[in-house]
Structures are given as C-alpha cells and as structure tokens.
Amino acid sequence: MRPIHTSLIILLAISGMLAGCETTQSRINKNQDYFGSLPPAQQELIRKKEISVGFAELDVYLAWGRPNRRIKSEDTAGSSETWIYTRIEDYRPHYYAPWYYHRPYQHHWRLWDPFWDPFYFGREFVVKEVVLRNGRVETWSVYDGNMPLRDYFQ
C-alpha cells in the first residue's frame, strides 16, 4: 500500500510542476500576433500582470492565465461569466492511526493493530476574480488571499 501512496505523491508533484510552468511571457509568446496588435499601454499592463475594465477574455488570459473556476450566470442585463483564481495552501502531513484487523496467528494476542498513516490536507483560497460580460471585463477584484473558497460561495 505504501508504494501506491508514494507514487501518487510523485505524480501530483510532477503535474503541479508542469501546470505551474506557464508564465505571462510564455502566454505572450504563444499569442505574439494578437499581443503585437494591442496598444502599448495595454501591452505594458499585461506584462505587469495587471488587467483593466474593458479588457477582452484573451487579454485577461495573457495577464493572469487560466482561471481555476468558471461560473456562468444570467440576469436582466444578459449573461456573464465569472473567472475565479485560487491558490491552495498545503499543510504539513498529519498522522492518524487507523486500526487494521489481523488474523490471530502464533504468539499473536492482538486482533487489531494500529498502522500510522500520513494524510495531507490543504485549503483553497480565492485570490482574484473577473466578471466578463459580452467577452469584456466588467469588474475585477484582487483579494488578500485570506478568503477561503467555501466562504466565497456562501
């Protein structure tokens, strides 16, 4: 059981490193033609990882990357989409002792034995959000990172 647990941790670490490889500059390089067509002031904002009201979806993607969550909604003014950017804060492993049943065998008087098993947990925090209406930024917010995602949706 431990080798599966170890390989899962390694797989998650590798996928996290690959997902984190995309930078603002790499996104600009992939969309060089579009980026070159933008006004210089807008290009400078994107390079500084900033956005502004009126930015297109692709402009937000270039500056901030892919959102962690997308919420589509509709009201009397029409449909909109909210992009939510989050970060996960991992905590150190904790250990618990589940009791596993063992068959009694020679010179073994206990039927249940503890097996110390680590578990990891993390909390997801909202960092930024963008509301897009008709493909353009209507409002955006940057949070200090202390808003847990579960409180955001309440």
N, C-alpha and C. Protein backbone atom coordinates (compact mmCIF):
# COMPACT_ATOMS: atom_id res chain seq x y z
N MET A 1 0.82 -1.19 0.00
CA MET A 1 0.00 0.00 0.00
C MET A 1 0.87 1.26 0.00
N ARG A 2 2.00 1.26 0.61
CA ARG A 2 2.85 2.44 0.64
C ARG A 2 3.41 2.82 -0.73
N PRO A 3 3.83 1.86 -1.60
CA PRO A 3 4.34 2.29 -2.90
C PRO A 3 3.30 3.03 -3.73
N ILE A 4 2.04 2.66 -3.64
CA ILE A 4 0.98 3.36 -4.38
C ILE A 4 0.84 4.78 -3.84
N HIS A 5 0.91 4.92 -2.53
CA HIS A 5 0.80 6.23 -1.90
C HIS A 5 1.96 7.12 -2.33
N THR A 6 3.18 6.59 -2.35
CA THR A 6 4.36 7.34 -2.74
C THR A 6 4.28 7.73 -4.21
N SER A 7 3.88 6.81 -5.08
CA SER A 7 3.80 7.15 -6.49
C SER A 7 2.70 8.18 -6.75
N LEU A 8 1.64 8.17 -5.97
CA LEU A 8 0.60 9.18 -6.13
C LEU A 8 1.15 10.56 -5.78
N ILE A 9 1.91 10.65 -4.72
CA ILE A 9 2.51 11.93 -4.33
C ILE A 9 3.47 12.42 -5.41
N ILE A 10 4.27 11.52 -5.96
CA ILE A 10 5.21 11.90 -7.02
C ILE A 10 4.45 12.38 -8.25
N LEU A 11 3.38 11.68 -8.61
CA LEU A 11 2.58 12.07 -9.77
C LEU A 11 1.96 13.45 -9.57
N LEU A 12 1.43 13.71 -8.38
CA LEU A 12 0.83 15.01 -8.10
C LEU A 12 1.88 16.12 -8.13
N ALA A 13 3.07 15.84 -7.63
CA ALA A 13 4.15 16.84 -7.64
C ALA A 13 4.57 17.17 -9.06
N ILE A 14 4.70 16.15 -9.92
CA ILE A 14 5.09 16.39 -11.31
C ILE A 14 4.01 17.17 -12.05
N SER A 15 2.74 16.80 -11.85
CA SER A 15 1.66 17.52 -12.53
C SER A 15 1.58 18.96 -12.04
N GLY A 16 1.85 19.19 -10.76
CA GLY A 16 1.86 20.56 -10.24
C GLY A 16 2.98 21.39 -10.84
N MET A 17 4.14 20.76 -11.04
CA MET A 17 5.25 21.48 -11.66
C MET A 17 4.95 21.81 -13.11
N LEU A 18 4.34 20.87 -13.84
CA LEU A 18 4.01 21.12 -15.23
C LEU A 18 2.94 22.19 -15.37
N ALA A 19 1.96 22.18 -14.49
CA ALA A 19 0.90 23.19 -14.55
C ALA A 19 1.44 24.56 -14.21
N GLY A 20 2.43 24.64 -13.34
CA GLY A 20 2.99 25.91 -12.93
C GLY A 20 4.00 26.48 -13.90
N CYS A 21 4.29 25.80 -15.00
CA CYS A 21 5.31 26.24 -15.95
C CYS A 21 4.83 27.37 -16.84
N GLU A 22 3.53 27.58 -16.95
CA GLU A 22 3.02 28.61 -17.83
C GLU A 22 3.17 29.97 -17.16
N THR A 23 3.89 30.86 -17.82
CA THR A 23 4.11 32.20 -17.28
C THR A 23 3.45 33.22 -18.20
N THR A 24 3.43 34.46 -17.75
CA THR A 24 2.88 35.52 -18.58
C THR A 24 3.65 35.62 -19.89
N GLN A 25 4.97 35.54 -19.80
CA GLN A 25 5.79 35.65 -21.01
C GLN A 25 5.54 34.49 -21.97
N SER A 26 5.36 33.28 -21.44
CA SER A 26 5.10 32.15 -22.33
C SER A 26 3.73 32.28 -23.00
N ARG A 27 2.75 32.84 -22.29
CA ARG A 27 1.43 33.06 -22.90
C ARG A 27 1.52 34.15 -23.97
N ILE A 28 2.32 35.18 -23.72
CA ILE A 28 2.51 36.24 -24.72
C ILE A 28 3.20 35.66 -25.95
N ASN A 29 4.21 34.82 -25.74
CA ASN A 29 4.93 34.23 -26.87
C ASN A 29 4.02 33.35 -27.72
N LYS A 30 3.08 32.64 -27.09
CA LYS A 30 2.15 31.78 -27.83
C LYS A 30 1.15 32.61 -28.65
N ASN A 31 0.86 33.83 -28.20
CA ASN A 31 -0.12 34.70 -28.85
C ASN A 31 0.54 36.00 -29.31
N GLN A 32 1.72 35.89 -29.91
CA GLN A 32 2.53 37.05 -30.27
C GLN A 32 1.81 37.97 -31.25
N ASP A 33 1.11 37.41 -32.24
CA ASP A 33 0.42 38.25 -33.23
C ASP A 33 -0.66 39.10 -32.56
N TYR A 34 -1.46 38.48 -31.71
CA TYR A 34 -2.52 39.21 -31.02
C TYR A 34 -1.92 40.26 -30.08
N PHE A 35 -0.91 39.85 -29.32
CA PHE A 35 -0.28 40.76 -28.35
C PHE A 35 0.32 41.97 -29.07
N GLY A 36 0.92 41.75 -30.25
CA GLY A 36 1.50 42.85 -31.00
C GLY A 36 0.48 43.83 -31.53
N SER A 37 -0.77 43.39 -31.69
CA SER A 37 -1.82 44.28 -32.20
C SER A 37 -2.42 45.16 -31.11
N LEU A 38 -2.10 44.92 -29.85
CA LEU A 38 -2.66 45.70 -28.75
C LEU A 38 -1.93 47.04 -28.61
N PRO A 39 -2.60 48.06 -28.08
CA PRO A 39 -1.92 49.34 -27.82
C PRO A 39 -0.77 49.15 -26.81
N PRO A 40 0.27 49.95 -26.90
CA PRO A 40 1.43 49.80 -25.99
C PRO A 40 1.06 49.89 -24.51
N ALA A 41 0.11 50.74 -24.15
CA ALA A 41 -0.29 50.86 -22.74
C ALA A 41 -0.91 49.56 -22.25
N GLN A 42 -1.70 48.93 -23.09
CA GLN A 42 -2.34 47.67 -22.73
C GLN A 42 -1.29 46.55 -22.65
N GLN A 43 -0.33 46.56 -23.55
CA GLN A 43 0.76 45.57 -23.51
C GLN A 43 1.54 45.69 -22.21
N GLU A 44 1.78 46.93 -21.79
CA GLU A 44 2.54 47.12 -20.54
C GLU A 44 1.77 46.61 -19.33
N LEU A 45 0.45 46.84 -19.30
CA LEU A 45 -0.36 46.31 -18.21
C LEU A 45 -0.29 44.78 -18.16
N ILE A 46 -0.39 44.15 -19.32
CA ILE A 46 -0.35 42.68 -19.37
C ILE A 46 1.01 42.18 -18.90
N ARG A 47 2.10 42.84 -19.32
CA ARG A 47 3.44 42.43 -18.88
C ARG A 47 3.58 42.54 -17.36
N LYS A 48 2.91 43.53 -16.75
CA LYS A 48 2.96 43.71 -15.29
C LYS A 48 1.94 42.83 -14.56
N LYS A 49 1.24 41.94 -15.32
CA LYS A 49 0.23 41.03 -14.76
C LYS A 49 -0.94 41.81 -14.17
N GLU A 50 -1.33 42.87 -14.85
CA GLU A 50 -2.47 43.67 -14.42
C GLU A 50 -3.51 43.68 -15.52
N ILE A 51 -4.77 43.90 -15.13
CA ILE A 51 -5.86 43.99 -16.11
C ILE A 51 -6.63 45.27 -15.85
N SER A 52 -7.56 45.58 -16.76
CA SER A 52 -8.36 46.79 -16.64
C SER A 52 -9.76 46.51 -17.15
N VAL A 53 -10.70 47.33 -16.74
CA VAL A 53 -12.07 47.21 -17.23
C VAL A 53 -12.04 47.43 -18.75
N GLY A 54 -12.76 46.58 -19.47
CA GLY A 54 -12.80 46.66 -20.92
C GLY A 54 -11.87 45.68 -21.61
N PHE A 55 -10.99 45.02 -20.87
CA PHE A 55 -10.10 44.01 -21.46
C PHE A 55 -10.94 42.87 -22.03
N ALA A 56 -10.45 42.27 -23.10
CA ALA A 56 -11.09 41.08 -23.68
C ALA A 56 -10.67 39.84 -22.90
N GLU A 57 -11.36 38.73 -23.13
CA GLU A 57 -11.03 37.48 -22.45
C GLU A 57 -9.58 37.09 -22.66
N LEU A 58 -9.11 37.21 -23.91
CA LEU A 58 -7.72 36.83 -24.21
C LEU A 58 -6.72 37.72 -23.48
N ASP A 59 -7.06 38.99 -23.29
CA ASP A 59 -6.18 39.89 -22.54
C ASP A 59 -6.04 39.42 -21.09
N VAL A 60 -7.15 39.04 -20.49
CA VAL A 60 -7.13 38.54 -19.11
C VAL A 60 -6.32 37.25 -19.03
N TYR A 61 -6.53 36.37 -20.01
CA TYR A 61 -5.76 35.13 -20.05
C TYR A 61 -4.26 35.41 -20.15
N LEU A 62 -3.88 36.36 -21.00
CA LEU A 62 -2.45 36.68 -21.13
C LEU A 62 -1.87 37.20 -19.82
N ALA A 63 -2.61 38.04 -19.12
CA ALA A 63 -2.11 38.64 -17.88
C ALA A 63 -2.15 37.69 -16.69
N TRP A 64 -3.26 36.96 -16.53
CA TRP A 64 -3.45 36.17 -15.31
C TRP A 64 -3.46 34.67 -15.55
N GLY A 65 -3.58 34.23 -16.77
CA GLY A 65 -3.61 32.80 -17.03
C GLY A 65 -5.01 32.23 -16.98
N ARG A 66 -5.08 30.90 -16.97
CA ARG A 66 -6.37 30.21 -16.93
C ARG A 66 -6.96 30.30 -15.52
N PRO A 67 -8.27 30.54 -15.44
CA PRO A 67 -8.89 30.57 -14.10
C PRO A 67 -9.04 29.15 -13.55
N ASN A 68 -9.11 29.05 -12.24
CA ASN A 68 -9.34 27.76 -11.59
C ASN A 68 -10.80 27.34 -11.66
N ARG A 69 -11.70 28.33 -11.70
CA ARG A 69 -13.12 28.04 -11.79
C ARG A 69 -13.78 29.07 -12.71
N ARG A 70 -14.82 28.61 -13.40
CA ARG A 70 -15.63 29.50 -14.24
C ARG A 70 -17.08 29.33 -13.85
N ILE A 71 -17.76 30.44 -13.66
CA ILE A 71 -19.17 30.40 -13.29
C ILE A 71 -19.94 31.22 -14.32
N LYS A 72 -20.86 30.58 -15.00
CA LYS A 72 -21.70 31.28 -15.96
C LYS A 72 -23.01 31.64 -15.28
N SER A 73 -23.47 32.87 -15.52
CA SER A 73 -24.71 33.32 -14.90
C SER A 73 -25.46 34.22 -15.87
N GLU A 74 -26.72 34.45 -15.55
CA GLU A 74 -27.56 35.29 -16.38
C GLU A 74 -28.46 36.12 -15.49
N ASP A 75 -28.63 37.39 -15.85
CA ASP A 75 -29.54 38.27 -15.13
C ASP A 75 -30.28 39.13 -16.15
N THR A 76 -30.94 40.17 -15.69
CA THR A 76 -31.73 41.00 -16.61
C THR A 76 -30.86 41.75 -17.62
N ALA A 77 -29.60 41.97 -17.28
CA ALA A 77 -28.69 42.67 -18.19
C ALA A 77 -28.07 41.73 -19.22
N GLY A 78 -28.31 40.43 -19.09
CA GLY A 78 -27.74 39.46 -20.03
C GLY A 78 -26.91 38.41 -19.31
N SER A 79 -26.13 37.70 -20.08
CA SER A 79 -25.31 36.64 -19.48
C SER A 79 -23.91 37.16 -19.17
N SER A 80 -23.30 36.55 -18.17
CA SER A 80 -21.95 36.93 -17.78
C SER A 80 -21.20 35.67 -17.34
N GLU A 81 -19.91 35.80 -17.23
CA GLU A 81 -19.07 34.70 -16.78
C GLU A 81 -18.09 35.24 -15.75
N THR A 82 -17.96 34.56 -14.64
CA THR A 82 -17.03 34.95 -13.59
C THR A 82 -15.87 33.97 -13.59
N TRP A 83 -14.67 34.49 -13.68
CA TRP A 83 -13.46 33.68 -13.59
C TRP A 83 -12.91 33.85 -12.18
N ILE A 84 -12.66 32.73 -11.53
CA ILE A 84 -12.14 32.75 -10.16
C ILE A 84 -10.75 32.12 -10.16
N TYR A 85 -9.81 32.86 -9.60
CA TYR A 85 -8.43 32.38 -9.47
C TYR A 85 -8.19 32.06 -8.00
N THR A 86 -7.66 30.87 -7.75
CA THR A 86 -7.44 30.44 -6.37
C THR A 86 -6.00 29.97 -6.18
N ARG A 87 -5.64 29.82 -4.93
CA ARG A 87 -4.37 29.18 -4.57
C ARG A 87 -4.68 28.17 -3.49
N ILE A 88 -3.89 27.12 -3.45
CA ILE A 88 -4.07 26.09 -2.43
C ILE A 88 -2.90 26.16 -1.47
N GLU A 89 -3.24 26.27 -0.21
CA GLU A 89 -2.22 26.30 0.82
C GLU A 89 -2.17 24.93 1.46
N ASP A 90 -1.06 24.26 1.26
CA ASP A 90 -0.90 22.91 1.81
C ASP A 90 -0.36 22.99 3.23
N TYR A 91 -0.82 22.07 4.02
CA TYR A 91 -0.35 21.97 5.38
C TYR A 91 0.50 20.73 5.51
N ARG A 92 1.34 20.72 6.50
CA ARG A 92 2.23 19.57 6.70
C ARG A 92 1.39 18.33 6.97
N PRO A 93 1.98 17.18 6.75
CA PRO A 93 1.20 15.95 6.95
C PRO A 93 0.88 15.72 8.42
N HIS A 94 -0.26 15.15 8.63
CA HIS A 94 -0.67 14.72 9.96
C HIS A 94 -0.78 13.20 9.92
N TYR A 95 -0.67 12.61 11.05
CA TYR A 95 -0.71 11.16 11.10
C TYR A 95 -1.88 10.70 11.96
N TYR A 96 -2.49 9.66 11.53
CA TYR A 96 -3.56 9.06 12.31
C TYR A 96 -3.34 7.57 12.33
N ALA A 97 -3.95 6.94 13.25
CA ALA A 97 -3.73 5.50 13.42
C ALA A 97 -5.03 4.74 13.22
N PRO A 98 -5.32 4.39 11.98
CA PRO A 98 -6.48 3.51 11.80
C PRO A 98 -6.11 2.12 12.30
N TRP A 99 -7.06 1.43 12.79
CA TRP A 99 -6.80 0.10 13.32
C TRP A 99 -7.19 -0.92 12.26
N TYR A 100 -6.23 -1.72 11.86
CA TYR A 100 -6.47 -2.75 10.87
C TYR A 100 -6.60 -4.11 11.55
N TYR A 101 -7.51 -4.88 11.04
CA TYR A 101 -7.77 -6.21 11.60
C TYR A 101 -6.73 -7.19 11.08
N HIS A 102 -6.16 -7.97 11.98
CA HIS A 102 -5.22 -9.03 11.61
C HIS A 102 -5.75 -10.35 12.15
N ARG A 103 -5.53 -11.37 11.38
CA ARG A 103 -5.92 -12.69 11.88
C ARG A 103 -4.95 -13.11 12.98
N PRO A 104 -5.48 -13.70 13.99
CA PRO A 104 -4.57 -14.18 15.03
C PRO A 104 -3.68 -15.30 14.49
N TYR A 105 -2.44 -15.22 14.81
CA TYR A 105 -1.52 -16.29 14.44
C TYR A 105 -0.65 -16.62 15.64
N GLN A 106 0.25 -17.48 15.46
CA GLN A 106 1.02 -17.99 16.59
C GLN A 106 1.68 -16.86 17.37
N HIS A 107 1.50 -16.86 18.66
CA HIS A 107 2.06 -15.89 19.60
C HIS A 107 1.59 -14.46 19.33
N HIS A 108 0.45 -14.34 18.75
CA HIS A 108 -0.08 -13.01 18.48
C HIS A 108 -1.41 -12.88 19.21
N TRP A 109 -1.46 -12.04 20.20
CA TRP A 109 -2.66 -11.96 21.02
C TRP A 109 -3.57 -10.80 20.63
N ARG A 110 -3.14 -9.87 19.74
CA ARG A 110 -3.98 -8.73 19.38
C ARG A 110 -4.65 -8.97 18.03
N LEU A 111 -5.90 -8.65 17.94
CA LEU A 111 -6.61 -8.78 16.68
C LEU A 111 -6.59 -7.49 15.88
N TRP A 112 -6.44 -6.36 16.55
CA TRP A 112 -6.42 -5.07 15.88
C TRP A 112 -5.08 -4.39 16.16
N ASP A 113 -4.42 -3.93 15.10
CA ASP A 113 -3.13 -3.27 15.24
C ASP A 113 -3.19 -1.88 14.62
N PRO A 114 -2.54 -0.89 15.25
CA PRO A 114 -2.51 0.44 14.63
C PRO A 114 -1.49 0.48 13.50
N PHE A 115 -1.78 1.26 12.51
CA PHE A 115 -0.86 1.46 11.40
C PHE A 115 -0.81 2.97 11.16
N TRP A 116 0.31 3.59 11.44
CA TRP A 116 0.40 5.04 11.33
C TRP A 116 0.47 5.44 9.87
N ASP A 117 -0.50 6.21 9.44
CA ASP A 117 -0.65 6.56 8.04
C ASP A 117 -0.72 8.08 7.91
N PRO A 118 0.12 8.69 7.03
CA PRO A 118 0.05 10.16 6.89
C PRO A 118 -1.12 10.57 6.00
N PHE A 119 -1.67 11.73 6.28
CA PHE A 119 -2.63 12.32 5.35
C PHE A 119 -2.31 13.81 5.24
N TYR A 120 -2.55 14.34 4.07
CA TYR A 120 -2.24 15.73 3.77
C TYR A 120 -3.54 16.46 3.50
N PHE A 121 -3.60 17.69 3.89
CA PHE A 121 -4.79 18.46 3.59
C PHE A 121 -4.37 19.89 3.25
N GLY A 122 -5.21 20.54 2.50
CA GLY A 122 -4.94 21.91 2.11
C GLY A 122 -6.24 22.68 2.04
N ARG A 123 -6.11 23.98 2.01
CA ARG A 123 -7.28 24.84 1.90
C ARG A 123 -7.12 25.68 0.65
N GLU A 124 -8.23 25.91 -0.03
CA GLU A 124 -8.22 26.70 -1.25
C GLU A 124 -8.72 28.10 -0.94
N PHE A 125 -7.95 29.10 -1.36
CA PHE A 125 -8.27 30.49 -1.10
C PHE A 125 -8.51 31.23 -2.42
N VAL A 126 -9.48 32.14 -2.43
CA VAL A 126 -9.74 32.97 -3.60
C VAL A 126 -8.71 34.10 -3.61
N VAL A 127 -8.05 34.27 -4.76
CA VAL A 127 -7.03 35.30 -4.90
C VAL A 127 -7.54 36.45 -5.78
N LYS A 128 -8.18 36.09 -6.90
CA LYS A 128 -8.67 37.10 -7.85
C LYS A 128 -9.99 36.63 -8.44
N GLU A 129 -10.76 37.59 -8.95
CA GLU A 129 -11.96 37.25 -9.71
C GLU A 129 -12.19 38.31 -10.77
N VAL A 130 -12.75 37.87 -11.89
CA VAL A 130 -13.05 38.76 -13.01
C VAL A 130 -14.46 38.44 -13.47
N VAL A 131 -15.28 39.47 -13.67
CA VAL A 131 -16.61 39.29 -14.23
C VAL A 131 -16.57 39.80 -15.67
N LEU A 132 -16.86 38.89 -16.60
CA LEU A 132 -16.86 39.22 -18.03
C LEU A 132 -18.30 39.26 -18.53
N ARG A 133 -18.64 40.33 -19.21
CA ARG A 133 -19.96 40.45 -19.83
C ARG A 133 -19.73 40.77 -21.31
N ASN A 134 -20.33 39.94 -22.17
CA ASN A 134 -20.13 40.06 -23.62
C ASN A 134 -18.65 39.98 -24.00
N GLY A 135 -17.89 39.16 -23.29
CA GLY A 135 -16.49 38.95 -23.63
C GLY A 135 -15.55 40.04 -23.17
N ARG A 136 -16.04 40.99 -22.38
CA ARG A 136 -15.21 42.10 -21.90
C ARG A 136 -15.27 42.17 -20.37
N VAL A 137 -14.18 42.64 -19.76
CA VAL A 137 -14.13 42.76 -18.30
C VAL A 137 -15.07 43.86 -17.86
N GLU A 138 -16.01 43.48 -16.99
CA GLU A 138 -16.94 44.45 -16.42
C GLU A 138 -16.43 44.91 -15.05
N THR A 139 -16.07 43.96 -14.21
CA THR A 139 -15.46 44.26 -12.91
C THR A 139 -14.41 43.21 -12.61
N TRP A 140 -13.47 43.57 -11.75
CA TRP A 140 -12.46 42.61 -11.31
C TRP A 140 -12.07 42.96 -9.88
N SER A 141 -11.58 41.95 -9.16
CA SER A 141 -11.17 42.13 -7.76
C SER A 141 -9.93 41.31 -7.49
N VAL A 142 -9.08 41.82 -6.61
CA VAL A 142 -7.92 41.08 -6.12
C VAL A 142 -8.06 41.03 -4.61
N TYR A 143 -8.01 39.83 -4.06
CA TYR A 143 -8.17 39.63 -2.62
C TYR A 143 -6.81 39.42 -1.97
N ASP A 144 -6.78 39.61 -0.66
CA ASP A 144 -5.52 39.44 0.05
C ASP A 144 -5.16 37.97 0.25
N GLY A 145 -6.00 37.07 -0.22
CA GLY A 145 -5.68 35.65 -0.14
C GLY A 145 -6.19 34.96 1.10
N ASN A 146 -6.91 35.67 1.95
CA ASN A 146 -7.40 35.07 3.18
C ASN A 146 -8.87 34.69 3.11
N MET A 147 -9.46 34.67 1.90
CA MET A 147 -10.86 34.29 1.77
C MET A 147 -10.94 32.83 1.31
N PRO A 148 -11.28 31.93 2.20
CA PRO A 148 -11.42 30.53 1.77
C PRO A 148 -12.49 30.40 0.70
N LEU A 149 -12.28 29.50 -0.22
CA LEU A 149 -13.20 29.33 -1.33
C LEU A 149 -14.59 28.97 -0.84
N ARG A 150 -14.68 28.19 0.21
CA ARG A 150 -16.02 27.79 0.69
C ARG A 150 -16.78 29.01 1.21
N ASP A 151 -16.09 30.02 1.78
CA ASP A 151 -16.77 31.22 2.23
C ASP A 151 -17.18 32.11 1.05
N TYR A 152 -16.45 32.02 -0.04
CA TYR A 152 -16.76 32.80 -1.23
C TYR A 152 -18.12 32.43 -1.79
N PHE A 153 -18.44 31.13 -1.77
CA PHE A 153 -19.68 30.65 -2.36
C PHE A 153 -20.87 30.75 -1.42
N GLN A 154 -20.68 31.15 -0.19
CA GLN A 154 -21.81 31.22 0.74
C GLN A 154 -22.51 32.53 0.64
